[in-house]
Amino acid sequence: MRRLAAVAAAAWLMSYAAASAAGPRIVSMNVCSDQLVLSLADPDQILGLSRFSRDAWQSWAAEQARNYPLLSGEAEDVLLLKPDIVVVSLFDKRATRDLLKTNGLHLVEFTVPRTLDEVRDQIRAMGDVLQHPDRARAEIARLDAAIARARAAADGHHYRVLPVERRGFVAGRSSLISSLLAATGLRNAAGELGLDAGGFASLEAIVKLRPDFILVSEAGDRAEDEGRAFLLHPALERFYPADKRIVVPERLTVCGGVMLADALDRLTEELKRVTR
């Protein structure tokens, strides 16, 4: 359903965007679509980005985003900009989306991808919306090459990997992280905990599971809050020291997009480190 929605939206907007030789002027209201737009658009096509676009912890393109105006998240500033296209997500407020539509703006909605195939579809769809399909094809090729490198680093070992976040949250079998691991020949051990959509796992359950590695978003020994302290618990550090931890920054995996190529290259480096 997500795949069909993204493709249908792109097909509808292709005919609209084709009327502008310079490419449509665009506003993005979501941090994930921000990164797609920044990767594929010409600079003068971008009129504004979401209020979270400069947050380095969740945006791979935070520095690049500093070159563009920030939006408030409300409809008023978008209406003043008069963009050709507004990119939104289903997480943006319905009232805001409805108001923009009522005022005649063209909206395209991108959902949250859960698989690498859906990521490819969204990159392709955004390339069509922005009239840069060649750039989208290049980014998809870069993603596929990164997958191949990570698969080679995994070397057919089919390691069991458990993605563990702050406070013990585990990304489930139907998550984008799980799809990323599977594409490289690794296996998300969350299924052994009965977690499909994801959920919290106790310290005891994680220790008892004994995956080959845990996947975390940061290294280091500082706990600035209780969420981070969970990952530094003595029991976890005993069973999962540095050589049992694969570290991939959250900003590379929180969204589905071109940054996943960088996430996979980081995964490749980490696999080489922990298996040498």
Protein backbone atom coordinates (compact mmCIF):
# COMPACT_ATOMS: atom_id res chain seq x y z
CA MET A 1 0.00 0.00 0.00
CA ARG A 2 2.79 2.45 0.89
CA ARG A 3 4.57 1.62 -2.35
CA LEU A 4 1.47 2.15 -4.47
CA ALA A 5 0.68 5.44 -2.72
CA ALA A 6 4.15 6.86 -3.32
CA VAL A 7 4.19 5.80 -6.98
CA ALA A 8 0.67 7.10 -7.61
CA ALA A 9 1.49 10.46 -6.03
CA ALA A 10 4.64 10.79 -8.10
CA ALA A 11 2.82 9.90 -11.33
CA TRP A 12 0.13 12.51 -10.62
CA LEU A 13 2.70 15.20 -9.89
CA MET A 14 4.92 14.46 -12.87
CA SER A 15 2.37 15.90 -15.25
CA TYR A 16 1.91 18.94 -13.01
CA ALA A 17 5.61 19.59 -12.53
CA ALA A 18 6.35 19.21 -16.23
CA ALA A 19 4.69 22.57 -16.82
CA SER A 20 7.64 24.32 -15.18
CA ALA A 21 10.85 24.22 -17.21
CA ALA A 22 12.92 25.22 -14.16
CA GLY A 23 11.40 22.48 -12.00
CA PRO A 24 8.76 22.95 -9.32
CA ARG A 25 9.42 25.06 -6.25
CA ILE A 26 8.98 22.89 -3.21
CA VAL A 27 8.39 23.05 0.54
CA SER A 28 9.03 20.08 2.83
CA MET A 29 7.22 19.81 6.16
CA ASN A 30 8.81 16.59 7.44
CA VAL A 31 12.39 15.87 8.49
CA CYS A 32 12.53 12.70 6.40
CA SER A 33 11.25 14.35 3.23
CA ASP A 34 13.65 17.24 3.94
CA GLN A 35 16.54 14.89 3.34
CA LEU A 36 15.12 13.51 0.11
CA VAL A 37 14.53 17.04 -1.17
CA LEU A 38 18.02 18.21 -0.19
CA SER A 39 19.56 15.22 -1.96
CA LEU A 40 17.67 15.53 -5.23
CA ALA A 41 16.52 19.13 -5.77
CA ASP A 42 18.30 22.13 -7.24
CA PRO A 43 18.99 24.68 -4.48
CA ASP A 44 16.67 27.27 -6.01
CA GLN A 45 13.80 24.78 -5.97
CA ILE A 46 13.77 24.63 -2.16
CA LEU A 47 11.65 27.34 -0.51
CA GLY A 48 11.55 25.94 3.02
CA LEU A 49 12.20 22.90 5.21
CA SER A 50 10.69 21.46 8.37
CA ARG A 51 11.46 22.92 11.77
CA PHE A 52 13.50 19.80 12.60
CA SER A 53 15.65 19.87 9.47
CA ARG A 54 18.69 21.26 11.32
CA ASP A 55 18.60 18.75 14.19
CA ALA A 56 21.81 16.79 13.74
CA TRP A 57 20.67 13.79 15.81
CA GLN A 58 17.85 12.99 13.39
CA SER A 59 18.92 14.59 10.10
CA TRP A 60 21.80 13.33 8.01
CA ALA A 61 21.65 16.63 6.06
CA ALA A 62 21.41 19.01 9.04
CA GLU A 63 24.33 21.19 7.95
CA GLN A 64 23.04 21.47 4.40
CA ALA A 65 19.61 22.43 5.75
CA ARG A 66 21.06 25.57 7.33
CA ASN A 67 21.06 27.17 3.89
CA TYR A 68 17.26 27.24 3.74
CA PRO A 69 14.39 28.84 5.70
CA LEU A 70 12.79 26.88 8.52
CA LEU A 71 9.04 26.38 8.60
CA SER A 72 6.94 26.58 11.74
CA GLY A 73 4.92 23.46 10.98
CA GLU A 74 1.76 25.52 10.55
CA ALA A 75 0.03 26.40 7.29
CA GLU A 76 0.48 30.17 7.39
CA ASP A 77 4.16 30.43 6.45
CA VAL A 78 3.71 27.82 3.72
CA LEU A 79 0.88 29.81 2.18
CA LEU A 80 3.06 32.93 2.14
CA LEU A 81 5.78 31.08 0.20
CA LYS A 82 3.32 29.96 -2.51
CA PRO A 83 5.19 26.77 -3.46
CA ASP A 84 4.25 24.64 -6.45
CA ILE A 85 4.39 21.49 -4.28
CA VAL A 86 4.24 20.82 -0.55
CA VAL A 87 5.70 17.51 0.62
CA VAL A 88 4.02 16.21 3.76
CA SER A 89 3.76 12.99 5.72
CA LEU A 90 0.85 11.29 7.42
CA PHE A 91 2.39 12.44 10.72
CA ASP A 92 1.83 16.11 9.84
CA LYS A 93 -1.33 17.55 11.36
CA ARG A 94 -4.43 16.76 9.32
CA ALA A 95 -5.84 20.24 9.96
CA THR A 96 -2.71 21.79 8.44
CA ARG A 97 -2.84 19.51 5.42
CA ASP A 98 -6.53 20.19 4.89
CA LEU A 99 -6.01 23.96 5.14
CA LEU A 100 -3.24 23.84 2.54
CA LYS A 101 -5.42 21.81 0.19
CA THR A 102 -8.37 24.16 0.72
CA ASN A 103 -6.13 27.05 -0.34
CA GLY A 104 -5.27 25.32 -3.59
CA LEU A 105 -1.78 24.05 -2.83
CA HIS A 106 -0.64 20.77 -4.35
CA LEU A 107 0.35 18.27 -1.66
CA VAL A 108 2.20 15.01 -2.09
CA GLU A 109 2.27 12.61 0.85
CA PHE A 110 5.17 10.30 1.65
CA THR A 111 4.66 7.54 4.18
CA VAL A 112 7.25 5.91 6.45
CA PRO A 113 9.06 3.18 4.50
CA ARG A 114 9.51 -0.16 6.22
CA THR A 115 11.58 -1.95 3.57
CA LEU A 116 14.44 -1.11 1.26
CA ASP A 117 12.12 -1.63 -1.71
CA GLU A 118 9.86 1.09 -0.33
CA VAL A 119 12.91 3.32 0.16
CA ARG A 120 13.84 2.87 -3.49
CA ASP A 121 10.26 3.68 -4.50
CA GLN A 122 10.30 6.90 -2.49
CA ILE A 123 13.64 8.04 -3.88
CA ARG A 124 12.33 7.36 -7.38
CA ALA A 125 9.03 9.13 -6.64
CA MET A 126 10.76 12.23 -5.26
CA GLY A 127 13.07 12.31 -8.26
CA ASP A 128 10.00 12.37 -10.51
CA VAL A 129 8.30 15.08 -8.44
CA LEU A 130 11.40 17.29 -8.61
CA GLN A 131 12.01 16.50 -12.30
CA HIS A 132 15.38 14.93 -11.55
CA PRO A 133 14.84 11.20 -12.19
CA ASP A 134 18.49 10.82 -13.18
CA ARG A 135 19.61 11.89 -9.71
CA ALA A 136 17.19 9.45 -8.14
CA ARG A 137 18.56 6.60 -10.27
CA ALA A 138 22.10 7.52 -9.21
CA GLU A 139 21.12 7.47 -5.51
CA ILE A 140 19.39 4.11 -5.88
CA ALA A 141 22.51 2.74 -7.57
CA ARG A 142 24.60 4.10 -4.68
CA LEU A 143 22.29 2.37 -2.20
CA ASP A 144 22.51 -0.94 -4.06
CA ALA A 145 26.31 -0.73 -4.19
CA ALA A 146 26.43 -0.10 -0.43
CA ILE A 147 24.22 -3.15 0.15
CA ALA A 148 26.64 -5.27 -1.87
CA ARG A 149 29.61 -4.03 0.16
CA ALA A 150 27.87 -4.77 3.46
CA ARG A 151 26.84 -8.23 2.26
CA ALA A 152 30.46 -8.96 1.36
CA ALA A 153 31.58 -7.82 4.81
CA ALA A 154 29.02 -10.11 6.47
CA ASP A 155 30.57 -12.89 4.38
CA GLY A 156 27.62 -15.26 4.64
CA HIS A 157 27.85 -15.68 8.41
CA HIS A 158 24.16 -14.79 9.03
CA TYR A 159 24.94 -13.17 12.36
CA ARG A 160 22.06 -12.63 14.79
CA VAL A 161 21.91 -8.90 15.51
CA LEU A 162 19.62 -7.21 18.03
CA PRO A 163 18.96 -3.48 17.44
CA VAL A 164 18.74 -1.90 20.91
CA GLU A 165 17.87 1.74 21.46
CA ARG A 166 17.49 3.96 24.49
CA ARG A 167 15.63 2.44 27.47
CA GLY A 168 15.74 -0.98 25.81
CA PHE A 169 13.55 -0.31 22.80
CA VAL A 170 14.09 -2.97 20.12
CA ALA A 171 13.26 -2.44 16.44
CA GLY A 172 11.03 -5.34 15.38
CA ARG A 173 10.96 -7.70 12.42
CA SER A 174 8.84 -5.35 10.29
CA SER A 175 11.11 -2.33 10.75
CA LEU A 176 13.36 -0.63 8.24
CA ILE A 177 16.38 -1.65 10.34
CA SER A 178 15.30 -5.28 10.00
CA SER A 179 15.04 -4.93 6.21
CA LEU A 180 18.48 -3.33 6.12
CA LEU A 181 20.00 -6.18 8.13
CA ALA A 182 18.29 -8.83 6.01
CA ALA A 183 19.57 -7.29 2.78
CA THR A 184 23.13 -7.77 3.99
CA GLY A 185 22.63 -11.36 5.15
CA LEU A 186 22.21 -10.53 8.82
CA ARG A 187 19.20 -11.46 10.95
CA ASN A 188 17.25 -9.30 13.36
CA ALA A 189 17.05 -11.33 16.57
CA ALA A 190 13.98 -9.34 17.70
CA GLY A 191 11.81 -12.08 16.24
CA GLU A 192 13.08 -14.42 18.95
CA LEU A 193 11.64 -11.98 21.50
CA GLY A 194 8.27 -12.02 19.74
CA LEU A 195 8.64 -8.40 18.65
CA ASP A 196 7.19 -7.74 15.21
CA ALA A 197 6.44 -4.01 15.16
CA GLY A 198 9.02 -3.33 17.88
CA GLY A 199 8.82 -2.79 21.62
CA PHE A 200 10.73 -2.63 24.87
CA ALA A 201 12.80 -5.58 26.04
CA SER A 202 14.02 -6.09 29.58
CA LEU A 203 17.68 -6.18 30.45
CA GLU A 204 17.30 -9.82 31.44
CA ALA A 205 15.68 -10.76 28.12
CA ILE A 206 18.45 -9.10 26.09
CA VAL A 207 21.19 -10.81 28.10
CA LYS A 208 19.43 -14.17 27.90
CA LEU A 209 18.94 -13.91 24.14
CA ARG A 210 22.71 -13.74 23.52
CA PRO A 211 22.71 -12.43 19.93
CA ASP A 212 26.05 -12.34 18.15
CA PHE A 213 25.98 -8.53 18.27
CA ILE A 214 23.78 -5.69 19.43
CA LEU A 215 23.25 -2.72 17.13
CA VAL A 216 23.38 0.66 18.90
CA SER A 217 23.42 4.27 17.74
CA GLU A 218 26.44 5.50 19.66
CA ALA A 219 29.58 4.35 21.42
CA GLY A 220 31.24 5.85 24.49
CA ASP A 221 30.86 5.47 28.24
CA ARG A 222 28.87 8.57 29.18
CA ALA A 223 25.24 8.38 30.29
CA GLU A 224 23.64 11.80 30.04
CA ASP A 225 20.23 10.43 31.02
CA GLU A 226 18.42 7.25 32.06
CA GLY A 227 17.66 6.25 28.48
CA ARG A 228 21.32 6.15 27.60
CA ALA A 229 22.21 4.59 30.97
CA PHE A 230 20.30 1.43 30.01
CA LEU A 231 22.85 0.73 27.27
CA LEU A 232 25.71 1.21 29.72
CA HIS A 233 24.37 -1.14 32.39
CA PRO A 234 27.18 -3.36 33.74
CA ALA A 235 25.36 -6.52 32.62
CA LEU A 236 25.09 -5.30 29.02
CA GLU A 237 28.68 -4.09 29.03
CA ARG A 238 29.81 -7.48 30.33
CA PHE A 239 28.04 -9.54 27.67
CA TYR A 240 28.19 -6.93 24.90
CA PRO A 241 31.48 -5.05 25.14
CA ALA A 242 32.77 -2.88 22.30
CA ASP A 243 33.63 -5.86 20.09
CA LYS A 244 30.04 -7.11 20.40
CA ARG A 245 28.47 -3.74 19.54
CA ILE A 246 27.82 -2.52 16.01
CA VAL A 247 27.54 1.27 16.10
CA VAL A 248 25.50 3.06 13.41
CA PRO A 249 24.42 6.66 14.21
CA GLU A 250 20.67 7.15 14.51
CA ARG A 251 20.65 10.03 12.02
CA LEU A 252 21.58 7.50 9.31
CA THR A 253 18.66 5.15 10.03
CA VAL A 254 15.82 7.21 11.54
CA CYS A 255 14.50 7.98 8.04
CA GLY A 256 14.35 5.97 4.85
CA GLY A 257 16.26 7.69 2.08
CA VAL A 258 19.59 8.24 0.40
CA MET A 259 21.36 8.34 3.78
CA LEU A 260 20.90 4.57 4.08
CA ALA A 261 23.83 4.13 1.70
CA ASP A 262 25.97 5.86 4.31
CA ALA A 263 24.38 3.75 7.05
CA LEU A 264 25.28 0.60 5.15
CA ASP A 265 28.84 1.76 4.60
CA ARG A 266 29.10 2.42 8.33
CA LEU A 267 27.68 -1.06 8.95
CA THR A 268 30.35 -2.46 6.62
CA GLU A 269 33.12 -0.71 8.60
CA GLU A 270 31.67 -1.97 11.87
CA LEU A 271 31.39 -5.54 10.64
CA LYS A 272 35.02 -5.48 9.62
CA ARG A 273 35.95 -4.09 13.04
CA VAL A 274 34.03 -6.62 15.16
CA THR A 275 34.94 -9.66 13.06
CA ARG A 276 38.62 -9.04 12.46
